[in-house]
Amino acid sequence: MSILMPMIFAMPMGMPLEICLMYWPLRWVVAYFLVTLFVNKIAFKLAMKVFNFRPGH
């Protein structure tokens, strides 16, 4: 399954399959940082509302 996903995404976009396979493991790093970025923002807003948390006070 892991080898099929790059083929499914690379072929219709015209991306060379070698490049897609080479950078395929990088998607986990990018996804981790994007999720962390958004979750941290939501978590701080939720903490400020629920626990009356004020950073810096």
Foldseek 3Di string as FASTA:
>chain_A
DLLVVLVVVCVVVVHPSVVSVVCVVVVVVVVVVVVVVVVVVVVVVVCCVPVVDDPPD
